[in-house]
Protein backbone atom coordinates (compact mmCIF):
# COMPACT_ATOMS: atom_id res chain seq x y z
CA MET A 1 12.58 -3.64 11.54
CA THR A 2 11.12 -0.13 11.83
CA THR A 3 11.56 1.76 15.08
CA VAL A 4 9.97 4.84 16.60
CA ASP A 5 10.57 6.82 19.79
CA LEU A 6 7.55 6.96 22.08
CA PRO A 7 6.88 9.73 24.63
CA ILE A 8 6.63 7.25 27.52
CA THR A 9 8.45 7.98 30.79
CA TYR A 10 7.64 6.91 34.34
CA ASN A 11 9.02 5.83 37.70
CA LYS A 12 8.81 2.23 38.82
CA LYS A 13 9.53 0.54 42.17
CA THR A 14 10.98 -2.94 41.79
CA THR A 15 11.31 -5.55 44.53
CA GLY A 16 14.22 -7.97 44.49
CA HIS A 17 13.19 -11.59 43.72
CA ALA A 18 9.48 -10.69 44.09
CA PRO A 19 7.16 -13.68 43.51
CA ASP A 20 4.69 -11.47 41.62
CA PRO A 21 6.15 -10.65 38.17
CA ARG A 22 4.46 -7.24 38.29
CA ASP A 23 6.64 -6.26 41.27
CA ASN A 24 9.78 -6.87 39.19
CA TYR A 25 10.72 -4.70 36.23
CA PHE A 26 7.62 -5.54 34.18
CA ILE A 27 6.12 -4.63 30.83
CA GLN A 28 3.06 -5.93 29.02
CA LEU A 29 2.70 -4.71 25.43
CA PRO A 30 -0.56 -4.56 23.45
CA GLY A 31 -1.29 -7.24 20.88
CA ARG A 32 -2.06 -7.01 17.21
CA ARG A 33 -4.48 -4.23 16.31
CA GLN A 34 -6.16 -3.06 13.15
CA VAL A 35 -6.10 0.58 12.10
CA ASN A 36 -8.10 2.28 9.37
CA ILE A 37 -6.16 4.55 7.03
CA TYR A 38 -7.87 7.07 4.76
CA ASN A 39 -6.86 8.64 1.46
CA ASP A 40 -6.64 12.43 1.89
CA GLN A 41 -8.24 13.18 -1.46
CA THR A 42 -10.83 10.47 -1.94
CA GLY A 43 -11.60 9.38 1.62
CA GLU A 44 -11.03 5.80 0.49
CA SER A 45 -10.47 3.54 3.49
CA ARG A 46 -8.05 0.67 3.88
CA THR A 47 -7.27 -1.50 6.89
CA ALA A 48 -3.72 -1.98 8.13
CA THR A 49 -2.44 -4.28 10.88
CA LEU A 50 -0.01 -3.13 13.56
CA GLU A 51 2.20 -5.29 15.78
CA TRP A 52 4.89 -4.29 18.27
CA THR A 53 7.89 -6.55 17.75
CA SER A 54 10.65 -5.19 20.03
CA LEU A 55 11.02 -2.78 22.92
CA SER A 56 13.91 -0.60 24.07
CA GLN A 57 14.18 1.64 27.16
CA ARG A 58 16.84 3.52 29.06
CA VAL A 59 16.31 2.93 32.79
CA GLN A 60 18.23 4.73 35.53
CA ILE A 61 18.50 4.10 39.30
CA ASP A 62 20.18 5.90 42.21
CA GLY A 63 21.82 2.74 43.59
CA SER A 64 24.54 0.36 42.48
CA LEU A 65 24.46 -0.85 38.90
CA ASP A 66 25.89 -4.24 39.89
CA GLU A 67 23.78 -4.89 42.98
CA ASP A 68 20.52 -3.03 42.40
CA HIS A 69 19.67 -2.40 38.78
CA PRO A 70 16.85 -4.79 37.75
CA LEU A 71 18.23 -4.97 34.21
CA PHE A 72 21.85 -5.73 35.18
CA TYR A 73 22.85 -9.32 36.02
CA ARG A 74 19.34 -9.87 34.83
CA THR A 75 17.04 -12.82 34.75
CA LEU A 76 14.56 -12.19 31.91
CA SER A 77 11.30 -14.12 31.92
CA GLY A 78 7.92 -14.13 30.19
CA GLY A 79 7.13 -13.23 26.61
CA CYS A 80 10.37 -11.49 25.65
CA GLY A 81 13.80 -12.63 24.58
CA GLY A 82 16.98 -10.70 25.26
CA GLY A 83 18.37 -8.72 22.39
CA ALA A 84 21.06 -6.22 23.35
CA TYR A 85 22.15 -4.20 26.39
CA ASN A 86 24.25 -1.13 27.07
CA SER A 87 25.02 0.32 30.50
CA GLN A 88 26.77 3.04 32.47
CA TYR A 89 27.91 3.00 36.11
CA SER A 90 27.44 6.65 37.08
CA PRO A 91 24.70 7.56 36.94
CA ALA A 92 23.65 3.92 36.86
CA TRP A 93 21.55 3.23 33.81
CA VAL A 94 20.90 0.36 31.44
CA MET A 95 19.56 0.59 27.91
CA TYR A 96 18.06 -2.67 26.72
CA LEU A 97 16.41 -4.15 23.67
CA TRP A 98 13.92 -6.98 24.15
CA ARG A 99 12.41 -8.99 21.34
CA VAL A 100 8.71 -9.84 21.63
CA ARG A 101 8.28 -13.56 21.01
CA ASP A 102 4.61 -13.41 19.98
CA PRO A 103 3.71 -9.93 18.69
CA GLN A 104 0.20 -11.07 17.78
CA SER A 105 -0.64 -11.85 21.40
CA PRO A 106 2.32 -10.87 23.61
CA GLN A 107 2.77 -12.07 27.15
CA GLY A 108 4.12 -9.95 29.99
CA CYS A 109 7.91 -9.61 30.27
CA TRP A 110 9.82 -9.12 33.52
CA SER A 111 13.39 -8.89 34.72
CA PHE A 112 15.25 -8.79 38.04
CA ASN A 113 18.87 -8.62 39.15
CA TRP A 114 19.78 -11.94 40.75
CA ARG A 115 22.37 -10.12 42.92
CA THR A 116 19.76 -7.82 44.49
CA ALA A 117 18.79 -8.74 48.05
CA VAL A 118 15.46 -10.50 48.42
CA GLY A 119 12.74 -7.95 49.09
CA LYS A 120 14.93 -4.91 48.46
CA VAL A 121 12.98 -2.08 46.85
CA VAL A 122 14.75 -0.12 44.12
CA ASP A 123 13.41 3.05 42.49
CA ALA A 124 13.88 2.98 38.73
CA GLU A 125 13.29 5.90 36.37
CA VAL A 126 12.43 5.22 32.73
CA LEU A 127 14.02 8.03 30.72
CA GLU A 128 13.50 6.87 27.13
CA THR A 129 11.24 4.43 25.33
CA SER A 130 11.56 3.19 21.76
CA ILE A 131 9.69 0.45 20.02
CA ALA A 132 9.93 -1.57 16.82
CA TYR A 133 6.83 -2.42 14.85
CA ASP A 134 5.45 -4.15 11.80
CA LEU A 135 2.74 -2.32 9.91
CA VAL A 136 1.11 -4.59 7.35
CA VAL A 137 -0.85 -2.69 4.72
CA PRO A 138 -2.91 -3.99 1.79
CA PRO A 139 -0.89 -4.58 -1.39
CA PRO A 140 0.00 -1.08 -2.63
CA TYR A 141 -0.89 -2.06 -6.21
CA GLN A 142 -4.51 -2.31 -5.01
CA MET A 143 -4.43 1.18 -3.49
CA ARG A 144 -4.95 4.49 -5.22
CA ALA A 145 -2.00 6.83 -5.25
CA GLY A 146 -1.99 9.51 -2.58
CA THR A 147 -1.44 10.17 1.09
CA TYR A 148 -3.17 7.91 3.60
CA ARG A 149 -3.56 8.82 7.26
CA GLY A 150 -4.75 6.95 10.30
CA SER A 151 -4.30 6.80 14.03
CA ILE A 152 -4.71 4.38 16.89
CA THR A 153 -4.95 5.11 20.61
CA TYR A 154 -3.70 2.81 23.37
CA SER A 155 -4.38 3.04 27.07
CA MET A 156 -1.49 3.09 29.56
CA GLY A 157 -1.38 2.00 33.17
CA ALA A 158 -2.19 -1.01 35.35
CA GLY A 159 -4.25 -3.51 33.35
CA ALA A 160 -4.16 -1.25 30.26
CA ASP A 161 -2.78 -1.84 26.76
CA PHE A 162 0.67 -0.72 27.88
CA ASP A 163 1.00 -2.15 31.39
CA PHE A 164 4.14 -1.47 33.44
CA GLY A 165 3.26 -3.50 36.50
CA ASN A 166 2.75 -2.43 40.12
CA ASP A 167 4.05 0.66 41.91
CA VAL A 168 4.28 2.91 38.87
CA SER A 169 4.22 6.68 39.32
CA ALA A 170 4.77 9.84 37.27
CA LEU A 171 3.53 8.07 34.15
CA SER A 172 3.72 10.45 31.19
CA GLY A 173 0.04 9.94 30.41
CA ASN A 174 -2.83 7.50 30.53
CA SER A 175 -3.04 7.09 26.76
CA LEU A 176 -0.80 6.99 23.71
CA THR A 177 -1.95 7.96 20.22
CA VAL A 178 0.12 6.75 17.27
CA ASN A 179 -0.41 8.58 13.97
CA PHE A 180 0.39 7.06 10.60
CA VAL A 181 1.09 8.80 7.29
CA LEU A 182 1.58 6.60 4.22
CA ASP A 183 2.54 7.97 0.82
CA VAL A 184 1.48 5.62 -1.99
CA ARG A 185 3.05 6.25 -5.39
CA HIS A 186 2.79 4.11 -8.49
CA ALA A 187 4.91 3.45 -11.52
CA PHE A 188 2.75 4.15 -14.57
CA ILE A 189 4.23 3.96 -18.06
CA PHE A 190 2.66 3.19 -21.44
CA GLU A 191 5.28 2.71 -24.14
CA PHE A 192 4.14 2.71 -27.76
CA PRO A 193 6.43 1.95 -30.71
CA PRO A 194 7.29 4.75 -33.16
CA GLY A 195 4.47 5.55 -35.58
CA SER A 196 1.70 4.62 -33.16
CA ASP A 197 0.17 8.08 -33.52
CA ARG A 198 -1.28 6.88 -36.85
CA ALA A 199 -3.54 3.84 -37.22
CA VAL A 200 -4.33 2.79 -40.80
CA LEU A 201 -7.48 0.64 -40.88
CA GLU A 202 -7.37 -2.19 -43.42
CA PRO A 203 -8.92 -5.61 -44.06
CA LYS A 204 -7.03 -8.65 -42.88
CA GLY A 205 -4.19 -9.17 -45.36
CA GLY A 206 -4.64 -5.70 -46.88
CA TRP A 207 -6.69 -4.50 -49.85
CA SER A 208 -5.10 -6.62 -52.57
CA ALA A 209 -7.71 -9.40 -52.48
CA TRP A 210 -10.62 -6.99 -52.90
CA LEU A 211 -8.84 -4.97 -55.57
CA ALA A 212 -8.30 -8.21 -57.48
CA GLY A 213 -12.05 -8.83 -57.56
CA GLY A 214 -12.38 -10.82 -54.37
CA LYS A 215 -15.04 -10.56 -51.70
CA ALA A 216 -15.63 -7.29 -49.97
CA PRO A 217 -13.96 -7.10 -46.56
CA THR A 218 -16.13 -7.67 -43.52
CA LYS A 219 -14.24 -5.25 -41.29
CA LEU A 220 -11.41 -2.75 -41.27
CA TYR A 221 -9.13 -2.72 -38.27
CA ARG A 222 -5.77 -1.95 -36.76
CA ASP A 223 -4.21 -3.21 -33.53
CA LEU A 224 -1.60 -1.00 -31.90
CA PRO A 225 0.72 -2.81 -29.48
CA PHE A 226 2.23 -1.22 -26.39
CA ARG A 227 4.17 -2.14 -23.25
CA LEU A 228 2.76 -1.40 -19.82
CA TRP A 229 4.35 -0.73 -16.43
CA SER A 230 1.77 -0.25 -13.69
CA THR A 231 1.75 -0.86 -9.95
CA GLY A 232 -1.72 0.42 -9.17
CA PRO A 233 -5.24 1.09 -10.44
CA PHE A 234 -6.01 3.57 -13.22
CA LYS A 235 -8.86 4.80 -15.42
CA VAL A 236 -9.17 4.81 -19.20
CA TYR A 237 -11.49 6.71 -21.52
CA LYS A 238 -11.44 8.20 -25.00
CA LEU A 239 -12.04 11.57 -26.61
CA CYS A 240 -13.09 11.96 -30.25
CA GLN A 241 -12.69 14.56 -32.97
CA HIS A 242 -15.91 13.26 -34.51
CA TYR A 243 -18.56 11.56 -32.42
CA THR A 244 -20.98 8.95 -33.73
CA ASP A 245 -23.29 8.29 -30.77
CA VAL A 246 -20.86 7.24 -28.01
CA ARG A 247 -18.27 6.07 -30.51
CA CYS A 248 -15.63 7.94 -32.41
CA GLY A 249 -16.12 8.53 -36.09
CA ILE A 250 -14.02 8.92 -39.21
CA VAL A 251 -15.23 11.04 -42.11
CA ASN A 252 -14.28 11.52 -45.78
CA ASP A 253 -14.25 14.64 -47.95
CA ASN A 254 -17.87 14.01 -48.92
CA GLY A 255 -18.95 14.21 -45.30
CA HIS A 256 -19.71 10.51 -45.06
CA GLN A 257 -19.02 9.36 -41.52
CA VAL A 258 -18.76 5.89 -40.02
CA PRO A 259 -18.20 4.82 -36.41
CA VAL A 260 -14.95 3.29 -35.19
CA GLU A 261 -15.01 0.97 -32.21
CA VAL A 262 -12.07 1.64 -29.89
CA ALA A 263 -11.20 -1.19 -27.51
CA LEU A 264 -8.40 -2.16 -25.17
CA SER A 265 -6.66 -5.37 -24.15
CA LEU A 266 -4.43 -5.42 -21.06
CA PRO A 267 -2.06 -8.10 -19.75
CA PRO A 268 -2.98 -10.57 -17.01
CA GLY A 269 -2.89 -8.97 -13.59
CA MET A 270 -5.18 -6.13 -14.65
CA HIS A 271 -8.94 -6.59 -14.49
CA TYR A 272 -12.23 -4.74 -14.83
CA GLN A 273 -15.04 -5.72 -12.46
CA GLY A 274 -13.17 -8.92 -11.71
CA ARG A 275 -12.79 -9.97 -15.35
CA PRO A 276 -9.80 -9.98 -17.72
CA ILE A 277 -9.55 -7.00 -20.05
CA GLU A 278 -9.75 -8.30 -23.63
CA HIS A 279 -11.17 -6.19 -26.47
CA LEU A 280 -13.03 -4.07 -23.92
CA ALA A 281 -14.80 -1.14 -25.60
CA LEU A 282 -13.74 2.23 -24.21
CA PRO A 283 -16.33 4.86 -23.25
CA SER A 284 -16.17 8.52 -24.25
CA GLY A 285 -15.44 11.22 -21.69
CA ARG A 286 -13.89 11.26 -18.25
CA ALA A 287 -17.23 10.91 -16.48
CA ALA A 288 -17.73 7.49 -18.08
CA ALA A 289 -14.14 6.28 -17.59
CA LEU A 290 -13.54 2.62 -16.78
CA GLN A 291 -11.49 1.91 -13.66
CA PHE A 292 -9.06 -0.98 -13.90
CA GLU A 293 -7.69 -2.73 -10.82
CA SER A 294 -4.44 -4.61 -10.26
CA SER A 295 -4.12 -8.06 -8.75
CA MET A 296 -0.33 -7.91 -9.13
CA PRO A 297 2.26 -5.41 -10.34
CA THR A 298 2.46 -5.23 -14.13
CA LEU A 299 6.00 -4.67 -15.37
CA ASN A 300 6.88 -4.44 -19.06
CA ARG A 301 3.90 -6.53 -20.20
CA PRO A 302 2.20 -6.32 -23.62
CA GLY A 303 -1.21 -4.85 -24.37
CA GLN A 304 -3.10 -3.60 -27.43
CA LEU A 305 -5.38 -0.81 -28.57
CA HIS A 306 -7.95 -1.99 -31.11
CA PHE A 307 -9.61 0.19 -33.77
CA GLU A 308 -12.33 -1.36 -35.92
CA VAL A 309 -15.00 -0.42 -38.44
CA GLY A 310 -17.58 -3.21 -38.26
CA ARG A 311 -19.36 -5.27 -40.91
CA ALA A 312 -22.44 -3.02 -41.07
CA ASP A 313 -20.45 0.10 -41.96
CA VAL A 314 -17.87 -1.21 -44.44
CA PRO A 315 -20.25 -1.32 -47.48
CA GLY A 316 -21.02 2.37 -47.07
CA MET A 317 -17.32 3.17 -47.18
CA LEU A 318 -16.78 1.03 -50.28
CA ALA A 319 -19.36 3.17 -52.05
CA TYR A 320 -16.79 5.96 -51.79
CA SER A 321 -13.95 3.88 -53.18
CA GLY A 322 -10.74 5.87 -53.41
CA SER A 323 -11.64 8.40 -50.73
CA THR A 324 -9.80 8.78 -47.45
CA TYR A 325 -11.51 8.69 -44.07
CA THR A 326 -9.81 10.46 -41.18
CA GLY A 327 -10.46 11.32 -37.57
CA GLN A 328 -8.58 11.80 -34.35
CA VAL A 329 -9.03 9.57 -31.31
CA THR A 330 -7.37 10.37 -27.98
CA VAL A 331 -7.13 7.55 -25.46
CA VAL A 332 -6.52 8.85 -21.94
CA PHE A 333 -4.82 6.65 -19.34
CA ASP A 334 -5.46 8.37 -16.02
CA ALA A 335 -3.63 7.29 -12.87
CA GLU A 336 -4.88 10.34 -10.93
CA LEU A 337 -7.98 8.61 -9.65
């Protein structure tokens, strides 16, 4: 339960054993509301849901605590259940906590002192107001990291969102604005085993079959495993030392260059445009980065980076048998969306 103090004070006349609940000590809280929250950097909007679940006030009177206070020797009715009470005799005040039975669509709550004379009018002064709430936000793993802000305004007064019944005076205002600030942070770790800064491309099973006079390999490849921890969306792209169209290249001492396809596989729970991420080719440059979304937190799950020289380019490399092809590829995992 999360609580907040509200700047709500007022005076209220209560009538002992009044047939109209609004003439007793009465409160009607607003029901469930939606509030839009916006990312400070991107302007991205998300919708949160707000409910008020409990209410606490400190209420003081000039009369007798035992005989006059509407919250002492109380009879509580309507949409609230009693939670806890504290009181003092001089000056006579009661601090109460009421639980809202149906926060989605709350009913009015009212209380009176069964020892108060029928029809007796008592002046009550509300000195403090606190409230407990539930704020339901979208799953954080579907939200970009950053600060989100939003606000919601309620009306106050007879028949308003916050309704305190009849004979209310000196109300602190006719509206209440509640501001929200949410800080979304994500765990984001890629863990590669030692030696992953070097990917040696080979045929399946190595070169021994070809060196022994077997068939020429149809592709050269290397898969680099990693472990992923991620609780939110992120982007991925690559940068190349040598570019061959939009792909990275590797080149030998003779200047012969061939393209290398760089692809990525991610564990279930991550997706791109609603589809699983399996051998997905990575674009070059930040402007072309792919954005991956989360459908659940990913914690210590396996993935792979794939490097491959395809069938069409292997024969050209075999013509330079014994030479070494090299090139640097940088894969950028960017959580700063």
